[in-house]
Amino acid sequence: MAEHLFEDIFNVTRIDPDGKKSTEVIRSGIIRIEAKSEQLEMYMQLDVATDVYPMHVGDKFTMVLAPTLNLDGTPDTGFYTQAGRKTLADKYDYVMHGKLYKISEDISSEKEATKVYDFSEL
């Protein structure tokens, strides 16, 4: 079975945190959410296709990062096709396949620097 690189439950804390509700974004059905993880106290911004997977403040979801969608752990070919075989995607309601967009650190805190992960779609 494929190994997960990361898994945590997130709570949606804000919708459209930057206030950028452009006409193009609204038409595309994609919104940016901000969420906080339960175990690692990590903050994340994520672009979600709400026409496929509606999200609201207070919703909870599980975020899983995996190096491959193949259940046997073999590397992905670079594209995803529903060829009738079972994959990790079958275990979830909403799946994004691609690359991590940005990781940054929030150094404004008195504690150690906090990493900020941005899983926005490219």
PDB file of N, CA and C in Angstrom:
ATOM      1  N   MET A   1       0.838  -1.190   0.000  1.00  0.00           N
ATOM      2  CA  MET A   1       0.000   0.000   0.000  1.00  0.00           C
ATOM      3  C   MET A   1       0.878   1.248   0.000  1.00  0.00           C
ATOM      4  N   ALA A   2       0.409   2.283  -0.660  1.00  0.00           N
ATOM      5  CA  ALA A   2       1.167   3.532  -0.765  1.00  0.00           C
ATOM      6  C   ALA A   2       1.305   4.197   0.598  1.00  0.00           C
ATOM      7  N   GLU A   3       2.478   4.708   0.861  1.00  0.00           N
ATOM      8  CA  GLU A   3       2.750   5.394   2.124  1.00  0.00           C
ATOM      9  C   GLU A   3       2.347   6.861   2.024  1.00  0.00           C
ATOM     10  N   HIS A   4       1.748   7.375   3.082  1.00  0.00           N
ATOM     11  CA  HIS A   4       1.386   8.792   3.123  1.00  0.00           C
ATOM     12  C   HIS A   4       2.565   9.598   3.641  1.00  0.00           C
ATOM     13  N   LEU A   5       2.829  10.733   3.010  1.00  0.00           N
ATOM     14  CA  LEU A   5       3.872  11.638   3.474  1.00  0.00           C
ATOM     15  C   LEU A   5       3.350  12.540   4.584  1.00  0.00           C
ATOM     16  N   PHE A   6       2.047  12.789   4.553  1.00  0.00           N
ATOM     17  CA  PHE A   6       1.414  13.694   5.506  1.00  0.00           C
ATOM     18  C   PHE A   6      -0.062  13.360   5.581  1.00  0.00           C
ATOM     19  N   GLU A   7      -0.629  13.430   6.793  1.00  0.00           N
ATOM     20  CA  GLU A   7      -2.067  13.262   6.966  1.00  0.00           C
ATOM     21  C   GLU A   7      -2.497  13.989   8.229  1.00  0.00           C
ATOM     22  N   ASP A   8      -3.537  14.794   8.122  1.00  0.00           N
ATOM     23  CA  ASP A   8      -4.083  15.505   9.278  1.00  0.00           C
ATOM     24  C   ASP A   8      -5.502  15.942   8.939  1.00  0.00           C
ATOM     25  N   ILE A   9      -6.267  16.235   9.952  1.00  0.00           N
ATOM     26  CA  ILE A   9      -7.619  16.759   9.798  1.00  0.00           C
ATOM     27  C   ILE A   9      -7.534  18.272   9.920  1.00  0.00           C
ATOM     28  N   PHE A  10      -8.183  18.967   8.999  1.00  0.00           N
ATOM     29  CA  PHE A  10      -8.170  20.426   8.973  1.00  0.00           C
ATOM     30  C   PHE A  10      -9.567  20.977   9.206  1.00  0.00           C
ATOM     31  N   ASN A  11      -9.619  22.120   9.874  1.00  0.00           N
ATOM     32  CA  ASN A  11     -10.859  22.859  10.070  1.00  0.00           C
ATOM     33  C   ASN A  11     -10.799  24.109   9.199  1.00  0.00           C
ATOM     34  N   VAL A  12     -11.849  24.344   8.398  1.00  0.00           N
ATOM     35  CA  VAL A  12     -11.905  25.540   7.554  1.00  0.00           C
ATOM     36  C   VAL A  12     -12.174  26.737   8.454  1.00  0.00           C
ATOM     37  N   THR A  13     -11.251  27.696   8.459  1.00  0.00           N
ATOM     38  CA  THR A  13     -11.386  28.874   9.327  1.00  0.00           C
ATOM     39  C   THR A  13     -11.848  30.107   8.575  1.00  0.00           C
ATOM     40  N   ARG A  14     -11.497  30.199   7.288  1.00  0.00           N
ATOM     41  CA  ARG A  14     -11.912  31.367   6.497  1.00  0.00           C
ATOM     42  C   ARG A  14     -12.094  30.963   5.043  1.00  0.00           C
ATOM     43  N   ILE A  15     -12.998  31.660   4.388  1.00  0.00           N
ATOM     44  CA  ILE A  15     -13.206  31.506   2.950  1.00  0.00           C
ATOM     45  C   ILE A  15     -12.733  32.801   2.296  1.00  0.00           C
ATOM     46  N   ASP A  16     -12.000  32.690   1.216  1.00  0.00           N
ATOM     47  CA  ASP A  16     -11.496  33.857   0.494  1.00  0.00           C
ATOM     48  C   ASP A  16     -10.768  34.821   1.431  1.00  0.00           C
ATOM     49  N   PRO A  17      -9.701  34.355   2.112  1.00  0.00           N
ATOM     50  CA  PRO A  17      -9.027  35.180   3.121  1.00  0.00           C
ATOM     51  C   PRO A  17      -8.412  36.468   2.582  1.00  0.00           C
ATOM     52  N   ASP A  18      -8.080  36.498   1.293  1.00  0.00           N
ATOM     53  CA  ASP A  18      -7.458  37.694   0.720  1.00  0.00           C
ATOM     54  C   ASP A  18      -8.483  38.643   0.121  1.00  0.00           C
ATOM     55  N   GLY A  19      -9.762  38.255   0.116  1.00  0.00           N
ATOM     56  CA  GLY A  19     -10.813  39.112  -0.418  1.00  0.00           C
ATOM     57  C   GLY A  19     -10.729  39.318  -1.916  1.00  0.00           C
ATOM     58  N   LYS A  20     -10.182  38.338  -2.627  1.00  0.00           N
ATOM     59  CA  LYS A  20     -10.008  38.472  -4.074  1.00  0.00           C
ATOM     60  C   LYS A  20     -11.091  37.696  -4.807  1.00  0.00           C
ATOM     61  N   LYS A  21     -12.285  38.205  -4.797  1.00  0.00           N
ATOM     62  CA  LYS A  21     -13.388  37.536  -5.479  1.00  0.00           C
ATOM     63  C   LYS A  21     -13.536  38.115  -6.874  1.00  0.00           C
ATOM     64  N   SER A  22     -12.642  37.738  -7.767  1.00  0.00           N
ATOM     65  CA  SER A  22     -12.728  38.237  -9.132  1.00  0.00           C
ATOM     66  C   SER A  22     -13.836  37.500  -9.867  1.00  0.00           C
ATOM     67  N   THR A  23     -14.361  38.101 -10.889  1.00  0.00           N
ATOM     68  CA  THR A  23     -15.414  37.501 -11.698  1.00  0.00           C
ATOM     69  C   THR A  23     -14.948  36.178 -12.280  1.00  0.00           C
ATOM     70  N   GLU A  24     -13.685  36.129 -12.719  1.00  0.00           N
ATOM     71  CA  GLU A  24     -13.146  34.913 -13.311  1.00  0.00           C
ATOM     72  C   GLU A  24     -13.122  33.767 -12.307  1.00  0.00           C
ATOM     73  N   VAL A  25     -12.717  34.050 -11.072  1.00  0.00           N
ATOM     74  CA  VAL A  25     -12.664  33.023 -10.034  1.00  0.00           C
ATOM     75  C   VAL A  25     -14.064  32.545  -9.687  1.00  0.00           C
ATOM     76  N   ILE A  26     -15.017  33.458  -9.571  1.00  0.00           N
ATOM     77  CA  ILE A  26     -16.389  33.076  -9.239  1.00  0.00           C
ATOM     78  C   ILE A  26     -16.973  32.199 -10.340  1.00  0.00           C
ATOM     79  N   ARG A  27     -16.731  32.557 -11.607  1.00  0.00           N
ATOM     80  CA  ARG A  27     -17.243  31.759 -12.723  1.00  0.00           C
ATOM     81  C   ARG A  27     -16.629  30.370 -12.731  1.00  0.00           C
ATOM     82  N   SER A  28     -15.381  30.262 -12.368  1.00  0.00           N
ATOM     83  CA  SER A  28     -14.707  28.961 -12.411  1.00  0.00           C
ATOM     84  C   SER A  28     -15.138  28.060 -11.262  1.00  0.00           C
ATOM     85  N   GLY A  29     -15.785  28.605 -10.243  1.00  0.00           N
ATOM     86  CA  GLY A  29     -16.232  27.795  -9.112  1.00  0.00           C
ATOM     87  C   GLY A  29     -15.112  27.428  -8.161  1.00  0.00           C
ATOM     88  N   ILE A  30     -14.004  28.145  -8.218  1.00  0.00           N
ATOM     89  CA  ILE A  30     -12.868  27.855  -7.338  1.00  0.00           C
ATOM     90  C   ILE A  30     -12.772  28.939  -6.283  1.00  0.00           C
ATOM     91  N   ILE A  31     -12.680  28.516  -5.031  1.00  0.00           N
ATOM     92  CA  ILE A  31     -12.487  29.468  -3.940  1.00  0.00           C
ATOM     93  C   ILE A  31     -11.219  29.097  -3.184  1.00  0.00           C
ATOM     94  N   ARG A  32     -10.650  30.058  -2.505  1.00  0.00           N
ATOM     95  CA  ARG A  32      -9.492  29.813  -1.649  1.00  0.00           C
ATOM     96  C   ARG A  32     -10.002  29.723  -0.224  1.00  0.00           C
ATOM     97  N   ILE A  33      -9.605  28.652   0.454  1.00  0.00           N
ATOM     98  CA  ILE A  33      -9.953  28.504   1.863  1.00  0.00           C
ATOM     99  C   ILE A  33      -8.690  28.609   2.693  1.00  0.00           C
ATOM    100  N   GLU A  34      -8.873  28.935   3.952  1.00  0.00           N
ATOM    101  CA  GLU A  34      -7.786  28.891   4.924  1.00  0.00           C
ATOM    102  C   GLU A  34      -8.230  27.896   5.968  1.00  0.00           C
ATOM    103  N   ALA A  35      -7.327  27.016   6.366  1.00  0.00           N
ATOM    104  CA  ALA A  35      -7.679  25.966   7.313  1.00  0.00           C
ATOM    105  C   ALA A  35      -6.531  25.729   8.289  1.00  0.00           C
ATOM    106  N   LYS A  36      -6.882  25.221   9.472  1.00  0.00           N
ATOM    107  CA  LYS A  36      -5.893  24.917  10.507  1.00  0.00           C
ATOM    108  C   LYS A  36      -5.984  23.434  10.838  1.00  0.00           C
ATOM    109  N   SER A  37      -4.827  22.782  10.916  1.00  0.00           N
ATOM    110  CA  SER A  37      -4.809  21.354  11.214  1.00  0.00           C
ATOM    111  C   SER A  37      -5.027  21.115  12.705  1.00  0.00           C
ATOM    112  N   GLU A  38      -5.588  19.966  13.019  1.00  0.00           N
ATOM    113  CA  GLU A  38      -5.885  19.644  14.413  1.00  0.00           C
ATOM    114  C   GLU A  38      -4.661  19.147  15.174  1.00  0.00           C
ATOM    115  N   GLN A  39      -3.833  18.328  14.546  1.00  0.00           N
ATOM    116  CA  GLN A  39      -2.711  17.725  15.263  1.00  0.00           C
ATOM    117  C   GLN A  39      -1.456  18.596  15.258  1.00  0.00           C
ATOM    118  N   LEU A  40      -1.129  19.178  14.117  1.00  0.00           N
ATOM    119  CA  LEU A  40       0.143  19.887  13.977  1.00  0.00           C
ATOM    120  C   LEU A  40       0.022  21.397  14.081  1.00  0.00           C
ATOM    121  N   GLU A  41      -1.189  21.911  14.272  1.00  0.00           N
ATOM    122  CA  GLU A  41      -1.437  23.352  14.347  1.00  0.00           C
ATOM    123  C   GLU A  41      -0.822  24.082  13.163  1.00  0.00           C
ATOM    124  N   MET A  42      -0.975  23.508  11.998  1.00  0.00           N
ATOM    125  CA  MET A  42      -0.448  24.064  10.760  1.00  0.00           C
ATOM    126  C   MET A  42      -1.566  24.821  10.047  1.00  0.00           C
ATOM    127  N   TYR A  43      -1.243  25.958   9.441  1.00  0.00           N
ATOM    128  CA  TYR A  43      -2.196  26.719   8.642  1.00  0.00           C
ATOM    129  C   TYR A  43      -1.961  26.411   7.167  1.00  0.00           C
ATOM    130  N   MET A  44      -3.044  26.374   6.397  1.00  0.00           N
ATOM    131  CA  MET A  44      -2.927  26.056   4.984  1.00  0.00           C
ATOM    132  C   MET A  44      -3.915  26.901   4.184  1.00  0.00           C
ATOM    133  N   GLN A  45      -3.478  27.316   3.002  1.00  0.00           N
ATOM    134  CA  GLN A  45      -4.390  27.914   2.033  1.00  0.00           C
ATOM    135  C   GLN A  45      -4.533  26.918   0.900  1.00  0.00           C
ATOM    136  N   LEU A  46      -5.769  26.728   0.447  1.00  0.00           N
ATOM    137  CA  LEU A  46      -6.058  25.711  -0.553  1.00  0.00           C
ATOM    138  C   LEU A  46      -7.127  26.227  -1.494  1.00  0.00           C
ATOM    139  N   ASP A  47      -6.905  26.101  -2.789  1.00  0.00           N
ATOM    140  CA  ASP A  47      -7.924  26.431  -3.777  1.00  0.00           C
ATOM    141  C   ASP A  47      -8.771  25.188  -4.016  1.00  0.00           C
ATOM    142  N   VAL A  48     -10.087  25.345  -3.884  1.00  0.00           N
ATOM    143  CA  VAL A  48     -11.002  24.210  -3.981  1.00  0.00           C
ATOM    144  C   VAL A  48     -12.062  24.495  -5.037  1.00  0.00           C
ATOM    145  N   ALA A  49     -12.349  23.525  -5.882  1.00  0.00           N
ATOM    146  CA  ALA A  49     -13.417  23.633  -6.877  1.00  0.00           C
ATOM    147  C   ALA A  49     -14.741  23.359  -6.162  1.00  0.00           C
ATOM    148  N   THR A  50     -15.405  24.424  -5.751  1.00  0.00           N
ATOM    149  CA  THR A  50     -16.602  24.264  -4.911  1.00  0.00           C
ATOM    150  C   THR A  50     -17.816  23.753  -5.669  1.00  0.00           C
ATOM    151  N   ASP A  51     -17.791  23.789  -6.991  1.00  0.00           N
ATOM    152  CA  ASP A  51     -18.899  23.176  -7.721  1.00  0.00           C
ATOM    153  C   ASP A  51     -18.815  21.653  -7.629  1.00  0.00           C
ATOM    154  N   VAL A  52     -17.631  21.134  -7.350  1.00  0.00           N
ATOM    155  CA  VAL A  52     -17.419  19.698  -7.175  1.00  0.00           C
ATOM    156  C   VAL A  52     -17.454  19.318  -5.693  1.00  0.00           C
ATOM    157  N   TYR A  53     -16.845  20.154  -4.858  1.00  0.00           N
ATOM    158  CA  TYR A  53     -16.716  19.859  -3.430  1.00  0.00           C
ATOM    159  C   TYR A  53     -16.960  21.135  -2.627  1.00  0.00           C
ATOM    160  N   PRO A  54     -18.226  21.442  -2.304  1.00  0.00           N
ATOM    161  CA  PRO A  54     -18.538  22.668  -1.551  1.00  0.00           C
ATOM    162  C   PRO A  54     -17.870  22.669  -0.179  1.00  0.00           C
ATOM    163  N   MET A  55     -17.365  23.821   0.241  1.00  0.00           N
ATOM    164  CA  MET A  55     -16.745  23.958   1.561  1.00  0.00           C
ATOM    165  C   MET A  55     -17.228  25.242   2.208  1.00  0.00           C
ATOM    166  N   HIS A  56     -17.373  25.197   3.539  1.00  0.00           N
ATOM    167  CA  HIS A  56     -17.850  26.337   4.307  1.00  0.00           C
ATOM    168  C   HIS A  56     -17.028  26.460   5.584  1.00  0.00           C
ATOM    169  N   VAL A  57     -17.017  27.646   6.180  1.00  0.00           N
ATOM    170  CA  VAL A  57     -16.329  27.852   7.451  1.00  0.00           C
ATOM    171  C   VAL A  57     -16.901  26.861   8.464  1.00  0.00           C
ATOM    172  N   GLY A  58     -16.021  26.204   9.196  1.00  0.00           N
ATOM    173  CA  GLY A  58     -16.421  25.204  10.184  1.00  0.00           C
ATOM    174  C   GLY A  58     -16.379  23.776   9.672  1.00  0.00           C
ATOM    175  N   ASP A  59     -16.297  23.588   8.352  1.00  0.00           N
ATOM    176  CA  ASP A  59     -16.193  22.235   7.800  1.00  0.00           C
ATOM    177  C   ASP A  59     -14.849  21.626   8.174  1.00  0.00           C
ATOM    178  N   LYS A  60     -14.821  20.299   8.285  1.00  0.00           N
ATOM    179  CA  LYS A  60     -13.585  19.568   8.532  1.00  0.00           C
ATOM    180  C   LYS A  60     -13.312  18.664   7.336  1.00  0.00           C
ATOM    181  N   PHE A  61     -12.027  18.505   7.025  1.00  0.00           N
ATOM    182  CA  PHE A  61     -11.640  17.586   5.961  1.00  0.00           C
ATOM    183  C   PHE A  61     -10.278  16.989   6.291  1.00  0.00           C
ATOM    184  N   THR A  62     -10.003  15.838   5.723  1.00  0.00           N
ATOM    185  CA  THR A  62      -8.709  15.188   5.897  1.00  0.00           C
ATOM    186  C   THR A  62      -7.825  15.520   4.708  1.00  0.00           C
ATOM    187  N   MET A  63      -6.622  15.993   4.977  1.00  0.00           N
ATOM    188  CA  MET A  63      -5.640  16.283   3.941  1.00  0.00           C
ATOM    189  C   MET A  63      -4.589  15.178   3.989  1.00  0.00           C
ATOM    190  N   VAL A  64      -4.362  14.556   2.850  1.00  0.00           N
ATOM    191  CA  VAL A  64      -3.353  13.513   2.736  1.00  0.00           C
ATOM    192  C   VAL A  64      -2.431  13.876   1.589  1.00  0.00           C
ATOM    193  N   LEU A  65      -1.143  13.813   1.827  1.00  0.00           N
ATOM    194  CA  LEU A  65      -0.152  13.966   0.763  1.00  0.00           C
ATOM    195  C   LEU A  65       0.503  12.611   0.557  1.00  0.00           C
ATOM    196  N   ALA A  66       0.584  12.191  -0.683  1.00  0.00           N
ATOM    197  CA  ALA A  66       1.179  10.901  -1.003  1.00  0.00           C
ATOM    198  C   ALA A  66       2.049  11.065  -2.246  1.00  0.00           C
ATOM    199  N   PRO A  67       3.124  10.307  -2.339  1.00  0.00           N
ATOM    200  CA  PRO A  67       4.003  10.433  -3.499  1.00  0.00           C
ATOM    201  C   PRO A  67       3.415   9.823  -4.768  1.00  0.00           C
ATOM    202  N   THR A  68       2.364   9.027  -4.628  1.00  0.00           N
ATOM    203  CA  THR A  68       1.748   8.357  -5.765  1.00  0.00           C
ATOM    204  C   THR A  68       0.299   8.023  -5.433  1.00  0.00           C
ATOM    205  N   LEU A  69      -0.516   7.894  -6.464  1.00  0.00           N
ATOM    206  CA  LEU A  69      -1.896   7.427  -6.279  1.00  0.00           C
ATOM    207  C   LEU A  69      -1.978   5.912  -6.382  1.00  0.00           C
ATOM    208  N   ASN A  70      -0.904   5.265  -6.830  1.00  0.00           N
ATOM    209  CA  ASN A  70      -0.893   3.813  -6.982  1.00  0.00           C
ATOM    210  C   ASN A  70      -0.848   3.130  -5.627  1.00  0.00           C
ATOM    211  N   LEU A  71      -1.765   2.199  -5.412  1.00  0.00           N
ATOM    212  CA  LEU A  71      -1.848   1.518  -4.116  1.00  0.00           C
ATOM    213  C   LEU A  71      -0.623   0.662  -3.817  1.00  0.00           C
ATOM    214  N   ASP A  72       0.078   0.221  -4.849  1.00  0.00           N
ATOM    215  CA  ASP A  72       1.276  -0.597  -4.617  1.00  0.00           C
ATOM    216  C   ASP A  72       2.521   0.254  -4.384  1.00  0.00           C
ATOM    217  N   GLY A  73       2.379   1.590  -4.428  1.00  0.00           N
ATOM    218  CA  GLY A  73       3.499   2.482  -4.152  1.00  0.00           C
ATOM    219  C   GLY A  73       4.376   2.799  -5.350  1.00  0.00           C
ATOM    220  N   THR A  74       4.066   2.248  -6.517  1.00  0.00           N
ATOM    221  CA  THR A  74       4.878   2.548  -7.689  1.00  0.00           C
ATOM    222  C   THR A  74       4.678   4.005  -8.092  1.00  0.00           C
ATOM    223  N   PRO A  75       5.706   4.635  -8.655  1.00  0.00           N
ATOM    224  CA  PRO A  75       5.609   6.057  -9.019  1.00  0.00           C
ATOM    225  C   PRO A  75       4.514   6.308 -10.049  1.00  0.00           C
ATOM    226  N   ASP A  76       3.930   7.508  -9.964  1.00  0.00           N
ATOM    227  CA  ASP A  76       2.951   7.928 -10.960  1.00  0.00           C
ATOM    228  C   ASP A  76       3.643   8.174 -12.294  1.00  0.00           C
ATOM    229  N   THR A  77       2.858   8.087 -13.356  1.00  0.00           N
ATOM    230  CA  THR A  77       3.398   8.316 -14.695  1.00  0.00           C
ATOM    231  C   THR A  77       3.389   9.784 -15.076  1.00  0.00           C
ATOM    232  N   GLY A  78       2.803  10.643 -14.219  1.00  0.00           N
ATOM    233  CA  GLY A  78       2.736  12.062 -14.525  1.00  0.00           C
ATOM    234  C   GLY A  78       1.355  12.506 -14.951  1.00  0.00           C
ATOM    235  N   PHE A  79       0.443  11.571 -15.149  1.00  0.00           N
ATOM    236  CA  PHE A  79      -0.937  11.903 -15.469  1.00  0.00           C
ATOM    237  C   PHE A  79      -1.845  10.888 -14.788  1.00  0.00           C
ATOM    238  N   TYR A  80      -3.112  11.244 -14.634  1.00  0.00           N
ATOM    239  CA  TYR A  80      -4.064  10.361 -13.968  1.00  0.00           C
ATOM    240  C   TYR A  80      -5.165   9.996 -14.943  1.00  0.00           C
ATOM    241  N   THR A  81      -5.469   8.747 -15.014  1.00  0.00           N
ATOM    242  CA  THR A  81      -6.566   8.279 -15.844  1.00  0.00           C
ATOM    243  C   THR A  81      -7.395   7.274 -15.045  1.00  0.00           C
ATOM    244  N   GLN A  82      -8.691   7.332 -15.209  1.00  0.00           N
ATOM    245  CA  GLN A  82      -9.560   6.370 -14.533  1.00  0.00           C
ATOM    246  C   GLN A  82      -9.697   5.152 -15.432  1.00  0.00           C
ATOM    247  N   ALA A  83      -8.700   4.301 -15.395  1.00  0.00           N
ATOM    248  CA  ALA A  83      -8.633   3.150 -16.286  1.00  0.00           C
ATOM    249  C   ALA A  83      -9.226   1.895 -15.658  1.00  0.00           C
ATOM    250  N   GLY A  84     -10.135   2.071 -14.717  1.00  0.00           N
ATOM    251  CA  GLY A  84     -10.788   0.915 -14.115  1.00  0.00           C
ATOM    252  C   GLY A  84      -9.986   0.237 -13.014  1.00  0.00           C
ATOM    253  N   ARG A  85      -8.852   0.781 -12.667  1.00  0.00           N
ATOM    254  CA  ARG A  85      -8.060   0.187 -11.579  1.00  0.00           C
ATOM    255  C   ARG A  85      -8.271   1.002 -10.310  1.00  0.00           C
ATOM    256  N   LYS A  86      -8.111   0.367  -9.180  1.00  0.00           N
ATOM    257  CA  LYS A  86      -8.260   1.043  -7.889  1.00  0.00           C
ATOM    258  C   LYS A  86      -7.006   1.865  -7.607  1.00  0.00           C
ATOM    259  N   THR A  87      -7.230   3.072  -7.059  1.00  0.00           N
ATOM    260  CA  THR A  87      -6.118   3.938  -6.675  1.00  0.00           C
ATOM    261  C   THR A  87      -6.437   4.552  -5.313  1.00  0.00           C
ATOM    262  N   LEU A  88      -5.483   5.273  -4.770  1.00  0.00           N
ATOM    263  CA  LEU A  88      -5.676   5.985  -3.514  1.00  0.00           C
ATOM    264  C   LEU A  88      -6.828   6.979  -3.639  1.00  0.00           C
ATOM    265  N   ALA A  89      -7.047   7.511  -4.821  1.00  0.00           N
ATOM    266  CA  ALA A  89      -8.122   8.479  -5.061  1.00  0.00           C
ATOM    267  C   ALA A  89      -9.500   7.898  -4.759  1.00  0.00           C
ATOM    268  N   ASP A  90      -9.660   6.602  -4.862  1.00  0.00           N
ATOM    269  CA  ASP A  90     -10.952   5.964  -4.599  1.00  0.00           C
ATOM    270  C   ASP A  90     -11.373   6.059  -3.133  1.00  0.00           C
ATOM    271  N   LYS A  91     -10.449   6.378  -2.252  1.00  0.00           N
ATOM    272  CA  LYS A  91     -10.743   6.435  -0.819  1.00  0.00           C
ATOM    273  C   LYS A  91     -11.225   7.819  -0.365  1.00  0.00           C
ATOM    274  N   TYR A  92     -11.258   8.798  -1.283  1.00  0.00           N
ATOM    275  CA  TYR A  92     -11.580  10.167  -0.905  1.00  0.00           C
ATOM    276  C   TYR A  92     -12.642  10.771  -1.824  1.00  0.00           C
ATOM    277  N   ASP A  93     -13.351  11.786  -1.315  1.00  0.00           N
ATOM    278  CA  ASP A  93     -14.396  12.451  -2.082  1.00  0.00           C
ATOM    279  C   ASP A  93     -13.836  13.483  -3.055  1.00  0.00           C
ATOM    280  N   TYR A  94     -12.712  14.099  -2.709  1.00  0.00           N
ATOM    281  CA  TYR A  94     -12.124  15.159  -3.535  1.00  0.00           C
ATOM    282  C   TYR A  94     -10.620  14.939  -3.584  1.00  0.00           C
ATOM    283  N   VAL A  95     -10.058  14.909  -4.780  1.00  0.00           N
ATOM    284  CA  VAL A  95      -8.636  14.626  -4.947  1.00  0.00           C
ATOM    285  C   VAL A  95      -8.031  15.663  -5.885  1.00  0.00           C
ATOM    286  N   MET A  96      -6.888  16.186  -5.479  1.00  0.00           N
ATOM    287  CA  MET A  96      -6.104  17.068  -6.347  1.00  0.00           C
ATOM    288  C   MET A  96      -4.814  16.328  -6.667  1.00  0.00           C
ATOM    289  N   HIS A  97      -4.471  16.287  -7.927  1.00  0.00           N
ATOM    290  CA  HIS A  97      -3.282  15.579  -8.370  1.00  0.00           C
ATOM    291  C   HIS A  97      -2.337  16.600  -8.983  1.00  0.00           C
ATOM    292  N   GLY A  98      -1.158  16.721  -8.432  1.00  0.00           N
ATOM    293  CA  GLY A  98      -0.219  17.701  -8.966  1.00  0.00           C
ATOM    294  C   GLY A  98       0.937  17.924  -8.025  1.00  0.00           C
ATOM    295  N   LYS A  99       1.464  19.118  -8.060  1.00  0.00           N
ATOM    296  CA  LYS A  99       2.643  19.459  -7.267  1.00  0.00           C
ATOM    297  C   LYS A  99       2.310  20.494  -6.210  1.00  0.00           C
ATOM    298  N   LEU A 100       3.065  20.469  -5.137  1.00  0.00           N
ATOM    299  CA  LEU A 100       2.962  21.469  -4.085  1.00  0.00           C
ATOM    300  C   LEU A 100       3.401  22.802  -4.664  1.00  0.00           C
ATOM    301  N   TYR A 101       2.592  23.832  -4.471  1.00  0.00           N
ATOM    302  CA  TYR A 101       2.848  25.120  -5.091  1.00  0.00           C
ATOM    303  C   TYR A 101       3.881  25.951  -4.343  1.00  0.00           C
ATOM    304  N   LYS A 102       3.712  26.076  -3.029  1.00  0.00           N
ATOM    305  CA  LYS A 102       4.617  26.965  -2.298  1.00  0.00           C
ATOM    306  C   LYS A 102       4.661  26.571  -0.821  1.00  0.00           C
ATOM    307  N   ILE A 103       5.840  26.657  -0.235  1.00  0.00           N
ATOM    308  CA  ILE A 103       6.016  26.494   1.207  1.00  0.00           C
ATOM    309  C   ILE A 103       6.733  27.746   1.685  1.00  0.00           C
ATOM    310  N   SER A 104       6.209  28.379   2.723  1.00  0.00           N
ATOM    311  CA  SER A 104       6.875  29.561   3.258  1.00  0.00           C
ATOM    312  C   SER A 104       6.875  29.480   4.775  1.00  0.00           C
ATOM    313  N   GLU A 105       7.651  30.343   5.396  1.00  0.00           N
ATOM    314  CA  GLU A 105       7.724  30.367   6.852  1.00  0.00           C
ATOM    315  C   GLU A 105       7.204  31.687   7.379  1.00  0.00           C
ATOM    316  N   ASP A 106       6.400  31.596   8.418  1.00  0.00           N
ATOM    317  CA  ASP A 106       5.887  32.780   9.098  1.00  0.00           C
ATOM    318  C   ASP A 106       6.821  33.052  10.266  1.00  0.00           C
ATOM    319  N   ILE A 107       7.643  34.087  10.151  1.00  0.00           N
ATOM    320  CA  ILE A 107       8.623  34.379  11.200  1.00  0.00           C
ATOM    321  C   ILE A 107       8.146  35.494  12.119  1.00  0.00           C
ATOM    322  N   SER A 108       6.857  35.865  11.999  1.00  0.00           N
ATOM    323  CA  SER A 108       6.328  36.942  12.835  1.00  0.00           C
ATOM    324  C   SER A 108       6.016  36.473  14.253  1.00  0.00           C
ATOM    325  N   SER A 109       6.004  35.172  14.458  1.00  0.00           N
ATOM    326  CA  SER A 109       5.681  34.613  15.762  1.00  0.00           C
ATOM    327  C   SER A 109       6.899  34.655  16.680  1.00  0.00           C
ATOM    328  N   GLU A 110       6.636  34.747  17.989  1.00  0.00           N
ATOM    329  CA  GLU A 110       7.736  34.715  18.967  1.00  0.00           C
ATOM    330  C   GLU A 110       8.299  33.303  19.084  1.00  0.00           C
ATOM    331  N   LYS A 111       7.476  32.313  18.720  1.00  0.00           N
ATOM    332  CA  LYS A 111       7.923  30.922  18.754  1.00  0.00           C
ATOM    333  C   LYS A 111       8.847  30.684  17.565  1.00  0.00           C
ATOM    334  N   GLU A 112       9.152  29.411  17.336  1.00  0.00           N
ATOM    335  CA  GLU A 112       9.959  29.053  16.175  1.00  0.00           C
ATOM    336  C   GLU A 112       9.208  29.445  14.906  1.00  0.00           C
ATOM    337  N   ALA A 113       9.935  29.587  13.809  1.00  0.00           N
ATOM    338  CA  ALA A 113       9.315  29.919  12.530  1.00  0.00           C
ATOM    339  C   ALA A 113       8.291  28.846  12.170  1.00  0.00           C
ATOM    340  N   THR A 114       7.148  29.274  11.669  1.00  0.00           N
ATOM    341  CA  THR A 114       6.080  28.379  11.305  1.00  0.00           C
ATOM    342  C   THR A 114       6.071  28.220   9.795  1.00  0.00           C
ATOM    343  N   LYS A 115       6.060  26.980   9.307  1.00  0.00           N
ATOM    344  CA  LYS A 115       5.991  26.756   7.874  1.00  0.00           C
ATOM    345  C   LYS A 115       4.557  26.926   7.421  1.00  0.00           C
ATOM    346  N   VAL A 116       4.381  27.597   6.292  1.00  0.00           N
ATOM    347  CA  VAL A 116       3.072  27.820   5.714  1.00  0.00           C
ATOM    348  C   VAL A 116       3.060  27.130   4.358  1.00  0.00           C
ATOM    349  N   TYR A 117       2.143  26.184   4.172  1.00  0.00           N
ATOM    350  CA  TYR A 117       2.057  25.413   2.954  1.00  0.00           C
ATOM    351  C   TYR A 117       0.908  25.939   2.119  1.00  0.00           C
ATOM    352  N   ASP A 118       1.134  26.160   0.845  1.00  0.00           N
ATOM    353  CA  ASP A 118       0.108  26.646  -0.067  1.00  0.00           C
ATOM    354  C   ASP A 118      -0.129  25.563  -1.121  1.00  0.00           C
ATOM    355  N   PHE A 119      -1.294  24.944  -1.052  1.00  0.00           N
ATOM    356  CA  PHE A 119      -1.633  23.853  -1.971  1.00  0.00           C
ATOM    357  C   PHE A 119      -2.509  24.350  -3.100  1.00  0.00           C
ATOM    358  N   SER A 120      -2.361  25.599  -3.479  1.00  0.00           N
ATOM    359  CA  SER A 120      -3.165  26.191  -4.545  1.00  0.00           C
ATOM    360  C   SER A 120      -2.893  25.466  -5.855  1.00  0.00           C
ATOM    361  N   GLU A 121      -3.933  25.322  -6.638  1.00  0.00           N
ATOM    362  CA  GLU A 121      -3.768  24.696  -7.932  1.00  0.00           C
ATOM    363  C   GLU A 121      -3.012  25.632  -8.849  1.00  0.00           C
ATOM    364  N   LEU A 122      -2.169  25.083  -9.674  1.00  0.00           N
ATOM    365  CA  LEU A 122      -1.372  25.890 -10.595  1.00  0.00           C
ATOM    366  C   LEU A 122      -2.209  26.374 -11.743  1.00  0.00           C
TER     367      LEU A 122
END
